[in-house]
Amino acid sequence: MSLTLPDVLQRNDLAAFVERALRLDEAAVIRLRQRNDGHIAAWVGTGLDVLAVRVVAGRLSPDDLSCGADELARGLRGADASGQVDTGYRMDSAWRGALPPDTGFTHVDDVPAAVLTELAERGAGVAKEHSSAHGPPASLLDQDVLQVRSGDTAVGVPMRCVFALTAMGFVPESPGAEEIVRVRLSPTWLRIDARFGSVYRRRGDPALVLR
């Protein structure tokens, strides 16, 4: 197995992504996939029935593997001068869900990032009041807190996606007025792109997404 990230900034970006994933789940599994454009997509399940992905420039062999987030974090901290990263043991069998396709998404609308951070803050307050030992109630997570529309196409954005975006640090804490997130849609996935990464929510059958 070989993961090479020659640019230290790219290693730092991936390390920040992995550390965020570990805050959500200390046993998180990261799936790495080589893309045709010379970049690597790093995927993780957020525990909200939402997938998160960060893309960095690098080389991966084999071109699709899963590893423990804790081992990958250690590997990134110990990378050598060439950017060679030890990913630890392969954990391909631990990744249980399907990944979204690379293409087939239609742009629905752009939303000010500040709207998402405000929704996350309000949602966190409600969750604190009503959470149990199992976390926030499903009714809160499943609630559509934002509606976006383009022509005849309309889609609701659930609180799950808002929490996932902010928990993974994909939206700046104090976004400027021009900072936006982009909502895209396919027949089977809702996709939200922010400056530092994207989240995906399966439409119709979220049980297929890694929890």
N, C-alpha and C. Protein backbone atom coordinates (compact mmCIF):
# COMPACT_ATOMS: atom_id res chain seq x y z
N MET A 1 0.85 -1.19 0.00
CA MET A 1 0.00 0.00 0.00
C MET A 1 0.88 1.24 0.00
N SER A 2 0.44 2.23 -0.73
CA SER A 2 1.25 3.44 -0.85
C SER A 2 0.36 4.66 -0.97
N LEU A 3 0.54 5.61 -0.04
CA LEU A 3 -0.12 6.91 -0.10
C LEU A 3 0.97 7.97 -0.09
N THR A 4 1.00 8.77 -1.15
CA THR A 4 2.03 9.81 -1.26
C THR A 4 1.37 11.16 -1.45
N LEU A 5 1.67 12.08 -0.53
CA LEU A 5 1.16 13.46 -0.58
C LEU A 5 2.38 14.38 -0.48
N PRO A 6 3.00 14.71 -1.62
CA PRO A 6 4.25 15.48 -1.58
C PRO A 6 4.11 16.88 -0.97
N ASP A 7 2.94 17.50 -1.12
CA ASP A 7 2.73 18.86 -0.64
C ASP A 7 2.32 18.84 0.83
N VAL A 8 3.09 19.51 1.68
CA VAL A 8 2.81 19.51 3.11
C VAL A 8 1.45 20.14 3.40
N LEU A 9 1.03 21.11 2.60
CA LEU A 9 -0.28 21.73 2.81
C LEU A 9 -1.40 20.72 2.57
N GLN A 10 -1.21 19.87 1.57
CA GLN A 10 -2.21 18.84 1.30
C GLN A 10 -2.25 17.81 2.44
N ARG A 11 -1.09 17.48 2.97
CA ARG A 11 -1.05 16.57 4.13
C ARG A 11 -1.76 17.19 5.32
N ASN A 12 -1.54 18.47 5.53
CA ASN A 12 -2.19 19.16 6.65
C ASN A 12 -3.71 19.20 6.46
N ASP A 13 -4.14 19.40 5.22
CA ASP A 13 -5.58 19.42 4.93
C ASP A 13 -6.21 18.07 5.25
N LEU A 14 -5.55 17.00 4.81
CA LEU A 14 -6.08 15.67 5.08
C LEU A 14 -6.03 15.36 6.58
N ALA A 15 -4.97 15.80 7.24
CA ALA A 15 -4.85 15.57 8.68
C ALA A 15 -5.99 16.26 9.43
N ALA A 16 -6.34 17.48 9.02
CA ALA A 16 -7.45 18.19 9.67
C ALA A 16 -8.76 17.44 9.47
N PHE A 17 -8.96 16.91 8.26
CA PHE A 17 -10.15 16.12 7.96
C PHE A 17 -10.22 14.88 8.85
N VAL A 18 -9.11 14.18 8.96
CA VAL A 18 -9.07 12.96 9.75
C VAL A 18 -9.29 13.26 11.23
N GLU A 19 -8.70 14.32 11.74
CA GLU A 19 -8.88 14.68 13.15
C GLU A 19 -10.34 15.00 13.44
N ARG A 20 -11.01 15.69 12.52
CA ARG A 20 -12.43 15.98 12.68
C ARG A 20 -13.23 14.69 12.72
N ALA A 21 -12.89 13.75 11.83
CA ALA A 21 -13.58 12.47 11.80
C ALA A 21 -13.42 11.73 13.12
N LEU A 22 -12.23 11.80 13.71
CA LEU A 22 -11.97 11.11 14.98
C LEU A 22 -12.74 11.75 16.13
N ARG A 23 -13.00 13.05 16.05
CA ARG A 23 -13.80 13.68 17.10
C ARG A 23 -15.22 13.13 17.08
N LEU A 24 -15.73 12.82 15.89
CA LEU A 24 -17.08 12.27 15.78
C LEU A 24 -17.12 10.79 16.16
N ASP A 25 -16.04 10.07 15.85
CA ASP A 25 -16.00 8.63 16.10
C ASP A 25 -14.54 8.20 16.21
N GLU A 26 -14.12 7.80 17.40
CA GLU A 26 -12.71 7.43 17.60
C GLU A 26 -12.35 6.14 16.85
N ALA A 27 -13.37 5.41 16.36
CA ALA A 27 -13.12 4.21 15.57
C ALA A 27 -13.45 4.44 14.09
N ALA A 28 -13.41 5.69 13.65
CA ALA A 28 -13.78 6.03 12.27
C ALA A 28 -12.88 5.31 11.26
N VAL A 29 -13.49 4.96 10.14
CA VAL A 29 -12.76 4.35 9.02
C VAL A 29 -12.77 5.34 7.86
N ILE A 30 -11.60 5.54 7.25
CA ILE A 30 -11.45 6.45 6.12
C ILE A 30 -11.30 5.61 4.85
N ARG A 31 -12.07 5.95 3.83
CA ARG A 31 -11.91 5.29 2.54
C ARG A 31 -11.23 6.25 1.58
N LEU A 32 -10.13 5.81 0.99
CA LEU A 32 -9.35 6.61 0.06
C LEU A 32 -9.53 6.07 -1.35
N ARG A 33 -9.76 6.98 -2.30
CA ARG A 33 -9.94 6.56 -3.69
C ARG A 33 -9.18 7.50 -4.61
N GLN A 34 -8.36 6.94 -5.48
CA GLN A 34 -7.61 7.72 -6.46
C GLN A 34 -8.55 8.17 -7.57
N ARG A 35 -8.47 9.45 -7.95
CA ARG A 35 -9.26 9.96 -9.06
C ARG A 35 -8.37 10.11 -10.29
N ASN A 36 -9.01 10.26 -11.43
CA ASN A 36 -8.26 10.36 -12.68
C ASN A 36 -7.51 11.67 -12.84
N ASP A 37 -7.86 12.68 -12.04
CA ASP A 37 -7.24 13.99 -12.17
C ASP A 37 -6.02 14.19 -11.27
N GLY A 38 -5.49 13.09 -10.70
CA GLY A 38 -4.32 13.21 -9.84
C GLY A 38 -4.65 13.58 -8.41
N HIS A 39 -5.90 13.52 -8.04
CA HIS A 39 -6.32 13.81 -6.68
C HIS A 39 -6.86 12.55 -6.01
N ILE A 40 -6.91 12.60 -4.69
CA ILE A 40 -7.43 11.50 -3.88
C ILE A 40 -8.63 12.00 -3.10
N ALA A 41 -9.73 11.26 -3.16
CA ALA A 41 -10.91 11.57 -2.36
C ALA A 41 -10.86 10.75 -1.08
N ALA A 42 -10.96 11.43 0.06
CA ALA A 42 -11.00 10.77 1.37
C ALA A 42 -12.42 10.86 1.90
N TRP A 43 -13.03 9.69 2.13
CA TRP A 43 -14.42 9.60 2.56
C TRP A 43 -14.51 9.12 4.00
N VAL A 44 -15.55 9.59 4.70
CA VAL A 44 -15.81 9.08 6.05
C VAL A 44 -17.30 9.17 6.32
N GLY A 45 -17.81 8.21 7.10
CA GLY A 45 -19.17 8.30 7.60
C GLY A 45 -19.19 9.17 8.85
N THR A 46 -20.15 10.08 8.93
CA THR A 46 -20.17 11.05 10.04
C THR A 46 -20.98 10.58 11.24
N GLY A 47 -21.67 9.44 11.13
CA GLY A 47 -22.55 9.00 12.20
C GLY A 47 -23.92 9.63 12.13
N LEU A 48 -24.16 10.42 11.08
CA LEU A 48 -25.44 11.11 10.90
C LEU A 48 -26.17 10.62 9.65
N ASP A 49 -25.79 9.44 9.17
CA ASP A 49 -26.29 8.95 7.87
C ASP A 49 -25.94 9.93 6.76
N VAL A 50 -24.79 10.55 6.89
CA VAL A 50 -24.27 11.50 5.91
C VAL A 50 -22.79 11.17 5.70
N LEU A 51 -22.37 11.15 4.45
CA LEU A 51 -20.97 10.95 4.13
C LEU A 51 -20.28 12.30 3.94
N ALA A 52 -19.02 12.37 4.34
CA ALA A 52 -18.21 13.57 4.14
C ALA A 52 -16.98 13.21 3.32
N VAL A 53 -16.54 14.14 2.48
CA VAL A 53 -15.38 13.89 1.63
C VAL A 53 -14.52 15.13 1.52
N ARG A 54 -13.21 14.90 1.53
CA ARG A 54 -12.23 15.95 1.29
C ARG A 54 -11.30 15.46 0.19
N VAL A 55 -10.94 16.33 -0.74
CA VAL A 55 -10.11 15.94 -1.88
C VAL A 55 -8.75 16.61 -1.75
N VAL A 56 -7.68 15.80 -1.90
CA VAL A 56 -6.31 16.31 -1.83
C VAL A 56 -5.52 15.78 -3.01
N ALA A 57 -4.46 16.49 -3.36
CA ALA A 57 -3.60 16.07 -4.47
C ALA A 57 -2.60 15.03 -3.98
N GLY A 58 -2.53 13.89 -4.68
CA GLY A 58 -1.60 12.86 -4.28
C GLY A 58 -1.75 11.61 -5.11
N ARG A 59 -1.01 10.57 -4.70
CA ARG A 59 -1.02 9.28 -5.40
C ARG A 59 -1.33 8.17 -4.40
N LEU A 60 -2.12 7.20 -4.86
CA LEU A 60 -2.57 6.12 -4.00
C LEU A 60 -2.47 4.80 -4.75
N SER A 61 -1.93 3.78 -4.08
CA SER A 61 -1.86 2.44 -4.66
C SER A 61 -2.05 1.41 -3.55
N PRO A 62 -3.07 0.52 -3.67
CA PRO A 62 -4.05 0.44 -4.75
C PRO A 62 -4.94 1.68 -4.78
N ASP A 63 -5.74 1.80 -5.83
CA ASP A 63 -6.47 3.04 -6.02
C ASP A 63 -7.76 3.14 -5.22
N ASP A 64 -8.03 2.17 -4.37
CA ASP A 64 -9.21 2.20 -3.51
C ASP A 64 -8.92 1.36 -2.28
N LEU A 65 -8.85 2.00 -1.11
CA LEU A 65 -8.58 1.26 0.12
C LEU A 65 -9.20 1.98 1.30
N SER A 66 -9.45 1.20 2.35
CA SER A 66 -9.97 1.76 3.60
C SER A 66 -8.98 1.50 4.72
N CYS A 67 -8.92 2.44 5.66
CA CYS A 67 -7.98 2.32 6.77
C CYS A 67 -8.56 3.00 8.00
N GLY A 68 -8.01 2.69 9.15
CA GLY A 68 -8.45 3.33 10.38
C GLY A 68 -8.02 4.78 10.42
N ALA A 69 -8.93 5.66 10.85
CA ALA A 69 -8.59 7.08 10.92
C ALA A 69 -7.45 7.33 11.90
N ASP A 70 -7.40 6.56 12.99
CA ASP A 70 -6.33 6.76 13.97
C ASP A 70 -4.97 6.42 13.37
N GLU A 71 -4.89 5.31 12.60
CA GLU A 71 -3.63 4.93 11.97
C GLU A 71 -3.24 5.95 10.89
N LEU A 72 -4.22 6.42 10.14
CA LEU A 72 -3.92 7.41 9.10
C LEU A 72 -3.43 8.72 9.72
N ALA A 73 -4.03 9.10 10.84
CA ALA A 73 -3.58 10.32 11.52
C ALA A 73 -2.12 10.19 11.95
N ARG A 74 -1.76 9.02 12.50
CA ARG A 74 -0.37 8.81 12.89
C ARG A 74 0.55 8.82 11.68
N GLY A 75 0.10 8.20 10.59
CA GLY A 75 0.90 8.19 9.38
C GLY A 75 1.14 9.57 8.81
N LEU A 76 0.14 10.41 8.88
CA LEU A 76 0.28 11.78 8.37
C LEU A 76 1.26 12.58 9.23
N ARG A 77 1.21 12.36 10.53
CA ARG A 77 2.15 13.07 11.42
C ARG A 77 3.58 12.60 11.19
N GLY A 78 3.74 11.33 10.79
CA GLY A 78 5.08 10.77 10.62
C GLY A 78 5.54 10.69 9.18
N ALA A 79 4.88 11.40 8.26
CA ALA A 79 5.25 11.34 6.85
C ALA A 79 6.69 11.79 6.64
N ASP A 80 7.38 11.13 5.69
CA ASP A 80 8.76 11.50 5.42
C ASP A 80 8.82 12.68 4.46
N ALA A 81 10.03 13.09 4.09
CA ALA A 81 10.22 14.29 3.27
C ALA A 81 9.57 14.18 1.90
N SER A 82 9.43 12.95 1.39
CA SER A 82 8.82 12.76 0.08
C SER A 82 7.30 12.76 0.13
N GLY A 83 6.76 12.76 1.36
CA GLY A 83 5.31 12.74 1.52
C GLY A 83 4.72 11.35 1.59
N GLN A 84 5.57 10.34 1.82
CA GLN A 84 5.08 8.96 1.94
C GLN A 84 4.36 8.81 3.28
N VAL A 85 3.12 8.32 3.24
CA VAL A 85 2.29 8.21 4.44
C VAL A 85 1.94 6.74 4.69
N ASP A 86 2.15 6.30 5.91
CA ASP A 86 1.78 4.94 6.31
C ASP A 86 0.30 4.95 6.71
N THR A 87 -0.52 4.20 5.98
CA THR A 87 -1.96 4.17 6.25
C THR A 87 -2.35 3.09 7.25
N GLY A 88 -1.41 2.27 7.68
CA GLY A 88 -1.74 1.18 8.60
C GLY A 88 -2.39 0.02 7.86
N TYR A 89 -3.03 -0.85 8.62
CA TYR A 89 -3.65 -2.04 8.03
C TYR A 89 -4.85 -1.67 7.17
N ARG A 90 -5.04 -2.42 6.11
CA ARG A 90 -6.24 -2.24 5.29
C ARG A 90 -7.46 -2.71 6.07
N MET A 91 -8.55 -1.96 5.95
CA MET A 91 -9.79 -2.28 6.64
C MET A 91 -10.96 -2.22 5.66
N ASP A 92 -10.76 -2.78 4.47
CA ASP A 92 -11.77 -2.66 3.43
C ASP A 92 -13.11 -3.26 3.85
N SER A 93 -13.08 -4.33 4.63
CA SER A 93 -14.33 -4.97 5.03
C SER A 93 -15.12 -4.13 6.02
N ALA A 94 -14.47 -3.13 6.63
CA ALA A 94 -15.15 -2.28 7.61
C ALA A 94 -16.01 -1.20 6.95
N TRP A 95 -15.79 -0.98 5.64
CA TRP A 95 -16.60 0.02 4.93
C TRP A 95 -17.82 -0.68 4.36
N ARG A 96 -19.00 -0.36 4.89
CA ARG A 96 -20.18 -1.12 4.58
C ARG A 96 -21.10 -0.46 3.55
N GLY A 97 -20.90 0.79 3.25
CA GLY A 97 -21.86 1.51 2.42
C GLY A 97 -21.39 1.80 1.02
N ALA A 98 -22.33 2.25 0.19
CA ALA A 98 -22.02 2.64 -1.18
C ALA A 98 -21.53 4.08 -1.23
N LEU A 99 -20.68 4.37 -2.20
CA LEU A 99 -20.22 5.73 -2.41
C LEU A 99 -21.02 6.38 -3.54
N PRO A 100 -21.17 7.70 -3.48
CA PRO A 100 -21.88 8.40 -4.56
C PRO A 100 -21.06 8.34 -5.85
N PRO A 101 -21.72 8.53 -6.99
CA PRO A 101 -20.98 8.60 -8.25
C PRO A 101 -20.22 9.92 -8.37
N ASP A 102 -19.24 9.95 -9.25
CA ASP A 102 -18.47 11.18 -9.46
C ASP A 102 -19.23 12.19 -10.32
N THR A 103 -20.16 11.71 -11.13
CA THR A 103 -20.88 12.58 -12.06
C THR A 103 -22.38 12.35 -11.92
N GLY A 104 -23.14 13.14 -12.67
CA GLY A 104 -24.59 12.97 -12.69
C GLY A 104 -25.34 13.89 -11.76
N PHE A 105 -24.65 14.91 -11.23
CA PHE A 105 -25.29 15.85 -10.30
C PHE A 105 -25.70 17.13 -11.03
N THR A 106 -26.87 17.64 -10.66
CA THR A 106 -27.40 18.89 -11.21
C THR A 106 -27.34 19.98 -10.16
N HIS A 107 -26.84 21.14 -10.54
CA HIS A 107 -26.78 22.27 -9.62
C HIS A 107 -28.19 22.81 -9.37
N VAL A 108 -28.57 22.89 -8.11
CA VAL A 108 -29.89 23.40 -7.75
C VAL A 108 -29.81 24.86 -7.35
N ASP A 109 -28.95 25.20 -6.38
CA ASP A 109 -28.87 26.58 -5.92
C ASP A 109 -27.64 26.77 -5.05
N ASP A 110 -27.26 28.03 -4.85
CA ASP A 110 -26.20 28.40 -3.92
C ASP A 110 -26.83 29.08 -2.70
N VAL A 111 -26.30 28.79 -1.53
CA VAL A 111 -26.84 29.32 -0.28
C VAL A 111 -25.72 30.00 0.48
N PRO A 112 -25.96 31.18 1.07
CA PRO A 112 -24.92 31.81 1.89
C PRO A 112 -24.48 30.88 3.02
N ALA A 113 -23.18 30.74 3.19
CA ALA A 113 -22.67 29.86 4.24
C ALA A 113 -23.13 30.31 5.62
N ALA A 114 -23.31 31.62 5.79
CA ALA A 114 -23.75 32.14 7.09
C ALA A 114 -25.11 31.58 7.49
N VAL A 115 -25.95 31.28 6.50
CA VAL A 115 -27.26 30.68 6.79
C VAL A 115 -27.06 29.30 7.42
N LEU A 116 -26.09 28.54 6.90
CA LEU A 116 -25.82 27.20 7.43
C LEU A 116 -25.26 27.26 8.85
N THR A 117 -24.34 28.17 9.10
CA THR A 117 -23.76 28.26 10.45
C THR A 117 -24.81 28.70 11.47
N GLU A 118 -25.71 29.59 11.06
CA GLU A 118 -26.78 30.02 11.97
C GLU A 118 -27.74 28.87 12.26
N LEU A 119 -28.09 28.11 11.23
CA LEU A 119 -28.95 26.95 11.43
C LEU A 119 -28.29 25.92 12.35
N ALA A 120 -26.99 25.72 12.18
CA ALA A 120 -26.27 24.77 13.03
C ALA A 120 -26.27 25.22 14.48
N GLU A 121 -26.08 26.51 14.72
CA GLU A 121 -26.08 27.02 16.09
C GLU A 121 -27.45 26.84 16.74
N ARG A 122 -28.50 27.18 15.98
CA ARG A 122 -29.85 27.03 16.52
C ARG A 122 -30.17 25.56 16.76
N GLY A 123 -29.77 24.72 15.81
CA GLY A 123 -30.02 23.29 15.96
C GLY A 123 -29.29 22.69 17.14
N ALA A 124 -28.06 23.16 17.38
CA ALA A 124 -27.29 22.64 18.51
C ALA A 124 -27.98 22.99 19.83
N GLY A 125 -28.58 24.19 19.89
CA GLY A 125 -29.31 24.58 21.09
C GLY A 125 -30.51 23.70 21.33
N VAL A 126 -31.26 23.41 20.28
CA VAL A 126 -32.43 22.53 20.40
C VAL A 126 -32.00 21.11 20.76
N ALA A 127 -30.91 20.65 20.13
CA ALA A 127 -30.42 19.30 20.41
C ALA A 127 -30.01 19.15 21.86
N LYS A 128 -29.38 20.19 22.43
CA LYS A 128 -28.95 20.12 23.82
C LYS A 128 -30.15 19.95 24.75
N GLU A 129 -31.26 20.60 24.41
CA GLU A 129 -32.46 20.53 25.25
C GLU A 129 -33.14 19.16 25.17
N HIS A 130 -33.07 18.54 23.99
CA HIS A 130 -33.90 17.35 23.75
C HIS A 130 -33.09 16.06 23.54
N SER A 131 -31.78 16.13 23.60
CA SER A 131 -30.97 14.94 23.35
C SER A 131 -31.09 13.94 24.49
N SER A 132 -30.91 12.67 24.14
CA SER A 132 -30.87 11.60 25.12
C SER A 132 -29.47 10.99 25.10
N ALA A 133 -29.33 9.83 25.75
CA ALA A 133 -28.03 9.16 25.74
C ALA A 133 -27.66 8.70 24.34
N HIS A 134 -28.65 8.64 23.47
CA HIS A 134 -28.41 8.20 22.10
C HIS A 134 -28.15 9.37 21.15
N GLY A 135 -28.05 10.58 21.68
CA GLY A 135 -27.79 11.74 20.84
C GLY A 135 -29.06 12.50 20.51
N PRO A 136 -28.97 13.43 19.55
CA PRO A 136 -30.14 14.23 19.17
C PRO A 136 -31.26 13.35 18.65
N PRO A 137 -32.52 13.75 18.87
CA PRO A 137 -33.64 12.95 18.38
C PRO A 137 -33.67 12.91 16.85
N ALA A 138 -34.09 11.77 16.31
CA ALA A 138 -34.14 11.60 14.85
C ALA A 138 -35.06 12.64 14.22
N SER A 139 -36.10 13.02 14.95
CA SER A 139 -37.05 14.00 14.39
C SER A 139 -36.36 15.33 14.10
N LEU A 140 -35.40 15.71 14.95
CA LEU A 140 -34.64 16.94 14.71
C LEU A 140 -33.69 16.76 13.54
N LEU A 141 -32.98 15.63 13.52
CA LEU A 141 -32.00 15.40 12.47
C LEU A 141 -32.65 15.30 11.08
N ASP A 142 -33.84 14.72 11.04
CA ASP A 142 -34.52 14.52 9.76
C ASP A 142 -35.27 15.75 9.28
N GLN A 143 -35.42 16.74 10.14
CA GLN A 143 -36.18 17.93 9.77
C GLN A 143 -35.48 18.71 8.67
N ASP A 144 -36.22 19.05 7.60
CA ASP A 144 -35.68 19.92 6.56
C ASP A 144 -35.65 21.35 7.08
N VAL A 145 -34.46 21.91 7.21
CA VAL A 145 -34.31 23.25 7.79
C VAL A 145 -34.05 24.30 6.71
N LEU A 146 -33.96 23.83 5.47
CA LEU A 146 -33.70 24.74 4.36
C LEU A 146 -34.31 24.15 3.10
N GLN A 147 -34.95 24.98 2.31
CA GLN A 147 -35.50 24.56 1.03
C GLN A 147 -34.80 25.32 -0.09
N VAL A 148 -34.33 24.60 -1.09
CA VAL A 148 -33.71 25.25 -2.24
C VAL A 148 -34.46 24.81 -3.49
N ARG A 149 -34.47 25.69 -4.48
CA ARG A 149 -35.28 25.43 -5.67
C ARG A 149 -34.58 25.97 -6.91
N SER A 150 -34.75 25.26 -8.00
CA SER A 150 -34.30 25.71 -9.31
C SER A 150 -35.34 25.24 -10.33
N GLY A 151 -36.12 26.17 -10.86
CA GLY A 151 -37.18 25.81 -11.78
C GLY A 151 -38.20 24.92 -11.10
N ASP A 152 -38.43 23.76 -11.66
CA ASP A 152 -39.40 22.82 -11.09
C ASP A 152 -38.78 21.89 -10.06
N THR A 153 -37.47 22.02 -9.85
CA THR A 153 -36.77 21.14 -8.90
C THR A 153 -36.65 21.81 -7.55
N ALA A 154 -37.16 21.14 -6.52
CA ALA A 154 -37.05 21.65 -5.15
C ALA A 154 -36.55 20.52 -4.26
N VAL A 155 -35.73 20.87 -3.30
CA VAL A 155 -35.17 19.86 -2.40
C VAL A 155 -35.00 20.47 -1.01
N GLY A 156 -35.27 19.67 0.01
CA GLY A 156 -35.05 20.10 1.38
C GLY A 156 -33.69 19.64 1.88
N VAL A 157 -33.06 20.48 2.66
CA VAL A 157 -31.77 20.14 3.27
C VAL A 157 -32.02 19.82 4.74
N PRO A 158 -31.81 18.55 5.16
CA PRO A 158 -32.08 18.18 6.55
C PRO A 158 -30.99 18.66 7.50
N MET A 159 -31.37 18.74 8.77
CA MET A 159 -30.42 19.17 9.78
C MET A 159 -29.21 18.25 9.83
N ARG A 160 -29.37 16.97 9.48
CA ARG A 160 -28.24 16.05 9.44
C ARG A 160 -27.09 16.61 8.61
N CYS A 161 -27.43 17.13 7.44
CA CYS A 161 -26.41 17.65 6.53
C CYS A 161 -25.77 18.92 7.08
N VAL A 162 -26.56 19.75 7.73
CA VAL A 162 -26.04 20.98 8.31
C VAL A 162 -25.06 20.65 9.43
N PHE A 163 -25.46 19.73 10.31
CA PHE A 163 -24.57 19.32 11.40
C PHE A 163 -23.28 18.69 10.85
N ALA A 164 -23.41 17.87 9.82
CA ALA A 164 -22.23 17.21 9.26
C ALA A 164 -21.26 18.23 8.67
N LEU A 165 -21.78 19.21 7.95
CA LEU A 165 -20.94 20.25 7.35
C LEU A 165 -20.14 21.00 8.41
N THR A 166 -20.81 21.39 9.47
CA THR A 166 -20.13 22.19 10.49
C THR A 166 -19.23 21.32 11.37
N ALA A 167 -19.68 20.09 11.67
CA ALA A 167 -18.85 19.20 12.51
C ALA A 167 -17.54 18.85 11.83
N MET A 168 -17.55 18.74 10.50
CA MET A 168 -16.33 18.43 9.76
C MET A 168 -15.51 19.67 9.44
N GLY A 169 -15.97 20.84 9.84
CA GLY A 169 -15.21 22.07 9.62
C GLY A 169 -15.18 22.51 8.17
N PHE A 170 -16.18 22.10 7.38
CA PHE A 170 -16.18 22.44 5.96
C PHE A 170 -16.62 23.88 5.69
N VAL A 171 -17.30 24.48 6.67
CA VAL A 171 -17.75 25.87 6.55
C VAL A 171 -16.99 26.69 7.59
N PRO A 172 -16.43 27.83 7.23
CA PRO A 172 -15.75 28.66 8.23
C PRO A 172 -16.69 29.03 9.38
N GLU A 173 -16.14 29.17 10.58
CA GLU A 173 -16.97 29.50 11.74
C GLU A 173 -17.64 30.85 11.60
N SER A 174 -16.96 31.80 10.99
CA SER A 174 -17.54 33.14 10.77
C SER A 174 -17.42 33.48 9.29
N PRO A 175 -18.27 32.89 8.46
CA PRO A 175 -18.13 33.08 7.01
C PRO A 175 -18.46 34.50 6.59
N GLY A 176 -17.75 34.97 5.58
CA GLY A 176 -18.03 36.28 5.02
C GLY A 176 -19.31 36.29 4.21
N ALA A 177 -19.73 37.48 3.84
CA ALA A 177 -21.00 37.62 3.12
C ALA A 177 -20.97 36.91 1.76
N GLU A 178 -19.77 36.78 1.18
CA GLU A 178 -19.68 36.17 -0.15
C GLU A 178 -19.46 34.65 -0.10
N GLU A 179 -19.26 34.10 1.09
CA GLU A 179 -19.04 32.66 1.23
C GLU A 179 -20.35 31.91 0.96
N ILE A 180 -20.31 30.93 0.07
CA ILE A 180 -21.51 30.18 -0.28
C ILE A 180 -21.27 28.67 -0.16
N VAL A 181 -22.36 27.95 -0.05
CA VAL A 181 -22.33 26.50 -0.21
C VAL A 181 -23.22 26.19 -1.41
N ARG A 182 -22.86 25.15 -2.14
CA ARG A 182 -23.55 24.81 -3.39
C ARG A 182 -24.33 23.51 -3.21
N VAL A 183 -25.60 23.54 -3.53
CA VAL A 183 -26.46 22.37 -3.40
C VAL A 183 -26.63 21.73 -4.77
N ARG A 184 -26.31 20.44 -4.84
CA ARG A 184 -26.46 19.67 -6.07
C ARG A 184 -27.30 18.43 -5.78
N LEU A 185 -27.84 17.87 -6.84
CA LEU A 185 -28.79 16.77 -6.70
C LEU A 185 -28.59 15.76 -7.81
N SER A 186 -28.69 14.47 -7.46
CA SER A 186 -28.78 13.40 -8.45
C SER A 186 -30.04 12.61 -8.12
N PRO A 187 -30.42 11.66 -8.95
CA PRO A 187 -31.61 10.88 -8.61
C PRO A 187 -31.53 10.17 -7.26
N THR A 188 -30.31 9.89 -6.79
CA THR A 188 -30.17 9.11 -5.54
C THR A 188 -29.40 9.81 -4.43
N TRP A 189 -28.80 10.99 -4.69
CA TRP A 189 -27.99 11.65 -3.68
C TRP A 189 -28.25 13.15 -3.64
N LEU A 190 -28.22 13.69 -2.41
CA LEU A 190 -28.14 15.12 -2.17
C LEU A 190 -26.69 15.44 -1.84
N ARG A 191 -26.15 16.45 -2.50
CA ARG A 191 -24.74 16.80 -2.33
C ARG A 191 -24.64 18.28 -1.99
N ILE A 192 -23.85 18.60 -0.98
CA ILE A 192 -23.63 20.00 -0.59
C ILE A 192 -22.12 20.25 -0.55
N ASP A 193 -21.68 21.18 -1.39
CA ASP A 193 -20.26 21.52 -1.51
C ASP A 193 -19.96 22.81 -0.76
N ALA A 194 -19.00 22.75 0.14
CA ALA A 194 -18.53 23.94 0.84
C ALA A 194 -17.05 24.14 0.53
N ARG A 195 -16.46 25.18 1.10
CA ARG A 195 -15.08 25.52 0.73
C ARG A 195 -14.10 24.39 1.07
N PHE A 196 -14.29 23.74 2.21
CA PHE A 196 -13.29 22.78 2.68
C PHE A 196 -13.70 21.32 2.49
N GLY A 197 -14.82 21.06 1.86
CA GLY A 197 -15.25 19.68 1.65
C GLY A 197 -16.72 19.61 1.31
N SER A 198 -17.19 18.38 1.09
CA SER A 198 -18.57 18.16 0.69
C SER A 198 -19.21 17.08 1.55
N VAL A 199 -20.54 17.15 1.68
CA VAL A 199 -21.29 16.09 2.34
C VAL A 199 -22.34 15.55 1.38
N TYR A 200 -22.67 14.27 1.56
CA TYR A 200 -23.64 13.58 0.70
C TYR A 200 -24.64 12.85 1.58
N ARG A 201 -25.89 12.97 1.22
CA ARG A 201 -26.98 12.28 1.91
C ARG A 201 -27.74 11.44 0.90
N ARG A 202 -27.84 10.15 1.17
CA ARG A 202 -28.57 9.26 0.28
C ARG A 202 -30.05 9.60 0.29
N ARG A 203 -30.65 9.68 -0.87
CA ARG A 203 -32.08 9.96 -0.97
C ARG A 203 -32.84 8.63 -1.04
N GLY A 204 -33.86 8.51 -0.22
CA GLY A 204 -34.74 7.36 -0.30
C GLY A 204 -34.35 6.20 0.60
N ASP A 205 -33.06 5.90 0.70
CA ASP A 205 -32.63 4.76 1.51
C ASP A 205 -31.32 5.06 2.22
N PRO A 206 -31.37 5.94 3.23
CA PRO A 206 -30.13 6.33 3.93
C PRO A 206 -29.46 5.16 4.63
N ALA A 207 -30.16 4.04 4.82
CA ALA A 207 -29.53 2.90 5.49
C ALA A 207 -28.37 2.35 4.68
N LEU A 208 -28.31 2.70 3.38
CA LEU A 208 -27.20 2.24 2.54
C LEU A 208 -25.93 3.02 2.80
N VAL A 209 -26.05 4.15 3.52
CA VAL A 209 -24.88 4.97 3.82
C VAL A 209 -24.22 4.46 5.09
N LEU A 210 -22.89 4.47 5.09
CA LEU A 210 -22.15 4.06 6.28
C LEU A 210 -22.54 4.93 7.46
N ARG A 211 -22.91 4.33 8.57
CA ARG A 211 -23.31 5.08 9.76
C ARG A 211 -22.09 5.42 10.60
